[in-house]
Amino acid sequence: MSSRGAARVAALAPDPADAGPGPARAGAGPAGAGSGGAGAAPQKAPARPLTITVAVIIEALEAVLVAVAAVLAAVATGRGQSYQLSGGIAITVIGLATAVLLALVAAGLRQPRRWTRTPALLTQLFTGIVGIYLLQGGRYYWGSVALVLALAGLATLLAPASTRALTVGLPQPADRHRQRPR
């Protein structure tokens, strides 16, 4: 293995402080109970950092909440409480499509896949904006929940362990450590 490949493999290894409890750690569960001899099971991929697990839960919860809001919009449209029928239908369809996309991002984060970092961060940004609008509109309970979710999501996605897990292997310029002329 080349030194570059070895560096990538080493970068994939999770920090022991970031590993959560569970059978994914080495030596835990039935697969790791042996002495590690010739009959030992092949090693699995590195464990997902705890911060990514929390980010997955937050993203999935946001998907569920958007789906609930879309269903409530559909019910209101069906009862004739929507400003316009076509507007109520559009909000319902857009809400359900958004919930599906958020669920896909949560599933991608669970892997963790590099492509999920930007959509997950944007989700938190938009959730925070919606939370502010809800607070300004007098919906204090929903607005505070949205803001707490957004801040927790941002914190988990920007944590060093999450950043490492979601950006390992990105190409870097060879001269990135040199000072640029001014």
C-alpha atoms as a PDB file:
ATOM      1  CA  MET A   1       0.000   0.000   0.000  1.00  0.00           C
ATOM      2  CA  SER A   2       1.359   3.409  -0.855  1.00  0.00           C
ATOM      3  CA  SER A   3       2.009   5.988   1.845  1.00  0.00           C
ATOM      4  CA  ARG A   4      -0.849   8.069   0.471  1.00  0.00           C
ATOM      5  CA  GLY A   5      -3.232   5.113   0.742  1.00  0.00           C
ATOM      6  CA  ALA A   6      -1.995   4.367   4.263  1.00  0.00           C
ATOM      7  CA  ALA A   7      -2.591   7.993   5.252  1.00  0.00           C
ATOM      8  CA  ARG A   8      -6.168   7.786   3.982  1.00  0.00           C
ATOM      9  CA  VAL A   9      -6.820   4.572   5.889  1.00  0.00           C
ATOM     10  CA  ALA A  10      -5.342   6.109   9.048  1.00  0.00           C
ATOM     11  CA  ALA A  11      -7.506   9.208   8.603  1.00  0.00           C
ATOM     12  CA  LEU A  12     -10.612   7.027   8.449  1.00  0.00           C
ATOM     13  CA  ALA A  13      -9.970   5.600  11.906  1.00  0.00           C
ATOM     14  CA  PRO A  14     -12.308   7.194  14.445  1.00  0.00           C
ATOM     15  CA  ASP A  15     -11.081   8.834  17.609  1.00  0.00           C
ATOM     16  CA  PRO A  16     -11.713   6.618  20.672  1.00  0.00           C
ATOM     17  CA  ALA A  17     -13.360   9.600  22.388  1.00  0.00           C
ATOM     18  CA  ASP A  18     -15.858   9.932  19.520  1.00  0.00           C
ATOM     19  CA  ALA A  19     -16.913   6.283  19.442  1.00  0.00           C
ATOM     20  CA  GLY A  20     -20.224   5.602  21.044  1.00  0.00           C
ATOM     21  CA  PRO A  21     -21.183   2.446  22.873  1.00  0.00           C
ATOM     22  CA  GLY A  22     -22.162  -0.492  20.745  1.00  0.00           C
ATOM     23  CA  PRO A  23     -20.995  -3.598  18.972  1.00  0.00           C
ATOM     24  CA  ALA A  24     -19.268  -1.695  16.134  1.00  0.00           C
ATOM     25  CA  ARG A  25     -16.160  -1.191  18.313  1.00  0.00           C
ATOM     26  CA  ALA A  26     -13.346  -3.728  18.139  1.00  0.00           C
ATOM     27  CA  GLY A  27     -13.617  -6.498  20.678  1.00  0.00           C
ATOM     28  CA  ALA A  28     -17.297  -5.925  21.420  1.00  0.00           C
ATOM     29  CA  GLY A  29     -20.015  -8.392  20.637  1.00  0.00           C
ATOM     30  CA  PRO A  30     -19.695 -11.974  19.418  1.00  0.00           C
ATOM     31  CA  ALA A  31     -17.452 -11.177  16.417  1.00  0.00           C
ATOM     32  CA  GLY A  32     -14.815  -9.503  18.573  1.00  0.00           C
ATOM     33  CA  ALA A  33     -15.015 -11.946  21.484  1.00  0.00           C
ATOM     34  CA  GLY A  34     -12.337 -14.289  20.093  1.00  0.00           C
ATOM     35  CA  SER A  35      -8.626 -14.080  20.631  1.00  0.00           C
ATOM     36  CA  GLY A  36      -8.058 -12.384  17.262  1.00  0.00           C
ATOM     37  CA  GLY A  37      -6.312 -15.445  15.798  1.00  0.00           C
ATOM     38  CA  ALA A  38      -6.570 -16.871  12.294  1.00  0.00           C
ATOM     39  CA  GLY A  39     -10.278 -17.635  12.723  1.00  0.00           C
ATOM     40  CA  ALA A  40     -11.184 -14.038  13.596  1.00  0.00           C
ATOM     41  CA  ALA A  41     -13.853 -12.319  11.551  1.00  0.00           C
ATOM     42  CA  PRO A  42     -12.706  -9.718   9.010  1.00  0.00           C
ATOM     43  CA  GLN A  43     -12.559  -6.169  10.323  1.00  0.00           C
ATOM     44  CA  LYS A  44     -15.517  -3.927   9.649  1.00  0.00           C
ATOM     45  CA  ALA A  45     -15.475  -0.341   8.494  1.00  0.00           C
ATOM     46  CA  PRO A  46     -14.673   2.211  11.205  1.00  0.00           C
ATOM     47  CA  ALA A  47     -17.515   3.062  13.563  1.00  0.00           C
ATOM     48  CA  ARG A  48     -19.620   6.116  12.817  1.00  0.00           C
ATOM     49  CA  PRO A  49     -18.825   9.007  15.196  1.00  0.00           C
ATOM     50  CA  LEU A  50     -21.445   9.764  17.834  1.00  0.00           C
ATOM     51  CA  THR A  51     -21.859  13.279  16.421  1.00  0.00           C
ATOM     52  CA  ILE A  52     -22.894  11.829  13.040  1.00  0.00           C
ATOM     53  CA  THR A  53     -25.398   9.534  14.780  1.00  0.00           C
ATOM     54  CA  VAL A  54     -26.968  12.532  16.517  1.00  0.00           C
ATOM     55  CA  ALA A  55     -27.017  14.445  13.209  1.00  0.00           C
ATOM     56  CA  VAL A  56     -28.837  11.509  11.582  1.00  0.00           C
ATOM     57  CA  ILE A  57     -31.463  11.553  14.343  1.00  0.00           C
ATOM     58  CA  ILE A  58     -31.931  15.325  13.991  1.00  0.00           C
ATOM     59  CA  GLU A  59     -32.212  15.142  10.186  1.00  0.00           C
ATOM     60  CA  ALA A  60     -34.717  12.269  10.400  1.00  0.00           C
ATOM     61  CA  LEU A  61     -36.762  14.142  13.013  1.00  0.00           C
ATOM     62  CA  GLU A  62     -36.861  17.186  10.743  1.00  0.00           C
ATOM     63  CA  ALA A  63     -38.054  14.945   7.890  1.00  0.00           C
ATOM     64  CA  VAL A  64     -40.856  13.602  10.072  1.00  0.00           C
ATOM     65  CA  LEU A  65     -41.875  17.092  11.207  1.00  0.00           C
ATOM     66  CA  VAL A  66     -41.996  18.355   7.605  1.00  0.00           C
ATOM     67  CA  ALA A  67     -44.125  15.336   6.651  1.00  0.00           C
ATOM     68  CA  VAL A  68     -46.506  16.051   9.558  1.00  0.00           C
ATOM     69  CA  ALA A  69     -46.779  19.693   8.480  1.00  0.00           C
ATOM     70  CA  ALA A  70     -47.530  18.566   4.906  1.00  0.00           C
ATOM     71  CA  VAL A  71     -50.254  16.203   6.117  1.00  0.00           C
ATOM     72  CA  LEU A  72     -51.760  18.988   8.242  1.00  0.00           C
ATOM     73  CA  ALA A  73     -51.730  21.250   5.173  1.00  0.00           C
ATOM     74  CA  ALA A  74     -53.494  18.512   3.194  1.00  0.00           C
ATOM     75  CA  VAL A  75     -56.156  18.170   5.890  1.00  0.00           C
ATOM     76  CA  ALA A  76     -56.692  21.934   5.982  1.00  0.00           C
ATOM     77  CA  THR A  77     -56.943  22.006   2.188  1.00  0.00           C
ATOM     78  CA  GLY A  78     -59.455  19.152   2.231  1.00  0.00           C
ATOM     79  CA  ARG A  79     -61.604  21.039   4.754  1.00  0.00           C
ATOM     80  CA  GLY A  80     -61.587  24.133   2.589  1.00  0.00           C
ATOM     81  CA  GLN A  81     -59.460  26.127   5.030  1.00  0.00           C
ATOM     82  CA  SER A  82     -56.734  26.867   2.487  1.00  0.00           C
ATOM     83  CA  TYR A  83     -56.580  30.321   0.909  1.00  0.00           C
ATOM     84  CA  GLN A  84     -56.727  28.690  -2.519  1.00  0.00           C
ATOM     85  CA  LEU A  85     -57.234  25.043  -3.369  1.00  0.00           C
ATOM     86  CA  SER A  86     -54.289  24.960  -5.775  1.00  0.00           C
ATOM     87  CA  GLY A  87     -52.015  26.623  -3.194  1.00  0.00           C
ATOM     88  CA  GLY A  88     -52.943  24.071  -0.537  1.00  0.00           C
ATOM     89  CA  ILE A  89     -52.275  21.203  -2.911  1.00  0.00           C
ATOM     90  CA  ALA A  90     -48.929  22.700  -3.935  1.00  0.00           C
ATOM     91  CA  ILE A  91     -47.834  23.180  -0.323  1.00  0.00           C
ATOM     92  CA  THR A  92     -48.779  19.586   0.448  1.00  0.00           C
ATOM     93  CA  VAL A  93     -46.865  18.169  -2.534  1.00  0.00           C
ATOM     94  CA  ILE A  94     -43.806  20.341  -1.887  1.00  0.00           C
ATOM     95  CA  GLY A  95     -43.855  19.420   1.805  1.00  0.00           C
ATOM     96  CA  LEU A  96     -44.050  15.687   1.124  1.00  0.00           C
ATOM     97  CA  ALA A  97     -41.284  15.886  -1.496  1.00  0.00           C
ATOM     98  CA  THR A  98     -39.103  17.834   0.947  1.00  0.00           C
ATOM     99  CA  ALA A  99     -39.721  15.241   3.670  1.00  0.00           C
ATOM    100  CA  VAL A 100     -38.610  12.470   1.295  1.00  0.00           C
ATOM    101  CA  LEU A 101     -35.446  14.393   0.368  1.00  0.00           C
ATOM    102  CA  LEU A 102     -34.628  15.056   4.030  1.00  0.00           C
ATOM    103  CA  ALA A 103     -35.062  11.344   4.742  1.00  0.00           C
ATOM    104  CA  LEU A 104     -32.634  10.561   1.903  1.00  0.00           C
ATOM    105  CA  VAL A 105     -30.085  12.980   3.378  1.00  0.00           C
ATOM    106  CA  ALA A 106     -30.521  11.323   6.794  1.00  0.00           C
ATOM    107  CA  ALA A 107     -29.954   7.908   5.196  1.00  0.00           C
ATOM    108  CA  GLY A 108     -26.836   9.225   3.452  1.00  0.00           C
ATOM    109  CA  LEU A 109     -25.522  10.681   6.706  1.00  0.00           C
ATOM    110  CA  ARG A 110     -25.988   7.305   8.339  1.00  0.00           C
ATOM    111  CA  GLN A 111     -23.381   5.781   5.975  1.00  0.00           C
ATOM    112  CA  PRO A 112     -21.689   8.571   6.284  1.00  0.00           C
ATOM    113  CA  ARG A 113     -21.502   9.866   2.708  1.00  0.00           C
ATOM    114  CA  ARG A 114     -19.552  13.010   1.799  1.00  0.00           C
ATOM    115  CA  TRP A 115     -22.325  14.399  -0.421  1.00  0.00           C
ATOM    116  CA  THR A 116     -24.658  14.687   2.591  1.00  0.00           C
ATOM    117  CA  ARG A 117     -22.720  17.381   4.433  1.00  0.00           C
ATOM    118  CA  THR A 118     -23.873  20.363   2.350  1.00  0.00           C
ATOM    119  CA  PRO A 119     -27.585  19.403   2.172  1.00  0.00           C
ATOM    120  CA  ALA A 120     -27.585  18.637   5.904  1.00  0.00           C
ATOM    121  CA  LEU A 121     -25.980  21.988   6.740  1.00  0.00           C
ATOM    122  CA  LEU A 122     -28.445  23.806   4.471  1.00  0.00           C
ATOM    123  CA  THR A 123     -31.309  21.973   6.159  1.00  0.00           C
ATOM    124  CA  GLN A 124     -30.154  23.322   9.506  1.00  0.00           C
ATOM    125  CA  LEU A 125     -29.824  26.824   8.098  1.00  0.00           C
ATOM    126  CA  PHE A 126     -33.352  26.773   6.666  1.00  0.00           C
ATOM    127  CA  THR A 127     -34.745  25.190   9.833  1.00  0.00           C
ATOM    128  CA  GLY A 128     -33.229  28.042  11.829  1.00  0.00           C
ATOM    129  CA  ILE A 129     -34.763  30.620   9.470  1.00  0.00           C
ATOM    130  CA  VAL A 130     -38.177  28.963   9.756  1.00  0.00           C
ATOM    131  CA  GLY A 131     -37.752  28.896  13.540  1.00  0.00           C
ATOM    132  CA  ILE A 132     -37.124  32.641  13.584  1.00  0.00           C
ATOM    133  CA  TYR A 133     -40.206  33.275  11.446  1.00  0.00           C
ATOM    134  CA  LEU A 134     -42.279  31.078  13.747  1.00  0.00           C
ATOM    135  CA  LEU A 135     -41.070  33.011  16.791  1.00  0.00           C
ATOM    136  CA  GLN A 136     -41.865  36.322  15.093  1.00  0.00           C
ATOM    137  CA  GLY A 137     -45.329  34.978  14.258  1.00  0.00           C
ATOM    138  CA  GLY A 138     -46.084  34.141  17.872  1.00  0.00           C
ATOM    139  CA  ARG A 139     -45.631  30.355  17.499  1.00  0.00           C
ATOM    140  CA  TYR A 140     -43.162  30.198  20.370  1.00  0.00           C
ATOM    141  CA  TYR A 141     -43.295  26.449  20.987  1.00  0.00           C
ATOM    142  CA  TRP A 142     -42.739  25.459  17.347  1.00  0.00           C
ATOM    143  CA  GLY A 143     -40.205  28.230  16.778  1.00  0.00           C
ATOM    144  CA  SER A 144     -38.113  27.298  19.791  1.00  0.00           C
ATOM    145  CA  VAL A 145     -38.180  23.609  18.817  1.00  0.00           C
ATOM    146  CA  ALA A 146     -37.049  24.511  15.283  1.00  0.00           C
ATOM    147  CA  LEU A 147     -34.227  26.719  16.595  1.00  0.00           C
ATOM    148  CA  VAL A 148     -33.008  24.079  19.046  1.00  0.00           C
ATOM    149  CA  LEU A 149     -33.011  21.450  16.282  1.00  0.00           C
ATOM    150  CA  ALA A 150     -31.152  23.778  13.914  1.00  0.00           C
ATOM    151  CA  LEU A 151     -28.486  24.705  16.465  1.00  0.00           C
ATOM    152  CA  ALA A 152     -28.007  21.107  17.566  1.00  0.00           C
ATOM    153  CA  GLY A 153     -27.804  19.983  13.938  1.00  0.00           C
ATOM    154  CA  LEU A 154     -25.211  22.626  13.114  1.00  0.00           C
ATOM    155  CA  ALA A 155     -23.179  21.737  16.196  1.00  0.00           C
ATOM    156  CA  THR A 156     -23.131  18.036  15.365  1.00  0.00           C
ATOM    157  CA  LEU A 157     -22.327  18.548  11.690  1.00  0.00           C
ATOM    158  CA  LEU A 158     -19.531  21.042  12.384  1.00  0.00           C
ATOM    159  CA  ALA A 159     -17.951  19.001  15.193  1.00  0.00           C
ATOM    160  CA  PRO A 160     -14.399  17.885  14.358  1.00  0.00           C
ATOM    161  CA  ALA A 161     -15.335  14.185  14.331  1.00  0.00           C
ATOM    162  CA  SER A 162     -18.185  14.814  11.874  1.00  0.00           C
ATOM    163  CA  THR A 163     -16.059  17.044   9.689  1.00  0.00           C
ATOM    164  CA  ARG A 164     -13.378  14.350   9.557  1.00  0.00           C
ATOM    165  CA  ALA A 165     -15.893  11.618   8.733  1.00  0.00           C
ATOM    166  CA  LEU A 166     -17.594  13.668   6.011  1.00  0.00           C
ATOM    167  CA  THR A 167     -14.491  15.141   4.329  1.00  0.00           C
ATOM    168  CA  VAL A 168     -11.810  12.419   4.450  1.00  0.00           C
ATOM    169  CA  GLY A 169     -10.186  11.854   1.102  1.00  0.00           C
ATOM    170  CA  LEU A 170     -10.979  15.199  -0.465  1.00  0.00           C
ATOM    171  CA  PRO A 171      -8.179  16.218  -2.812  1.00  0.00           C
ATOM    172  CA  GLN A 172      -5.914  18.941  -1.457  1.00  0.00           C
ATOM    173  CA  PRO A 173      -3.485  21.053  -3.486  1.00  0.00           C
ATOM    174  CA  ALA A 174       0.130  19.982  -3.067  1.00  0.00           C
ATOM    175  CA  ASP A 175       1.267  23.486  -2.078  1.00  0.00           C
ATOM    176  CA  ARG A 176      -1.483  24.149   0.478  1.00  0.00           C
ATOM    177  CA  HIS A 177       1.032  24.828   3.258  1.00  0.00           C
ATOM    178  CA  ARG A 178       3.084  27.416   1.409  1.00  0.00           C
ATOM    179  CA  GLN A 179       2.469  31.068   2.050  1.00  0.00           C
ATOM    180  CA  ARG A 180       1.022  32.924  -0.878  1.00  0.00           C
ATOM    181  CA  PRO A 181       2.776  36.047  -2.170  1.00  0.00           C
ATOM    182  CA  ARG A 182       1.075  39.253  -1.160  1.00  0.00           C
END
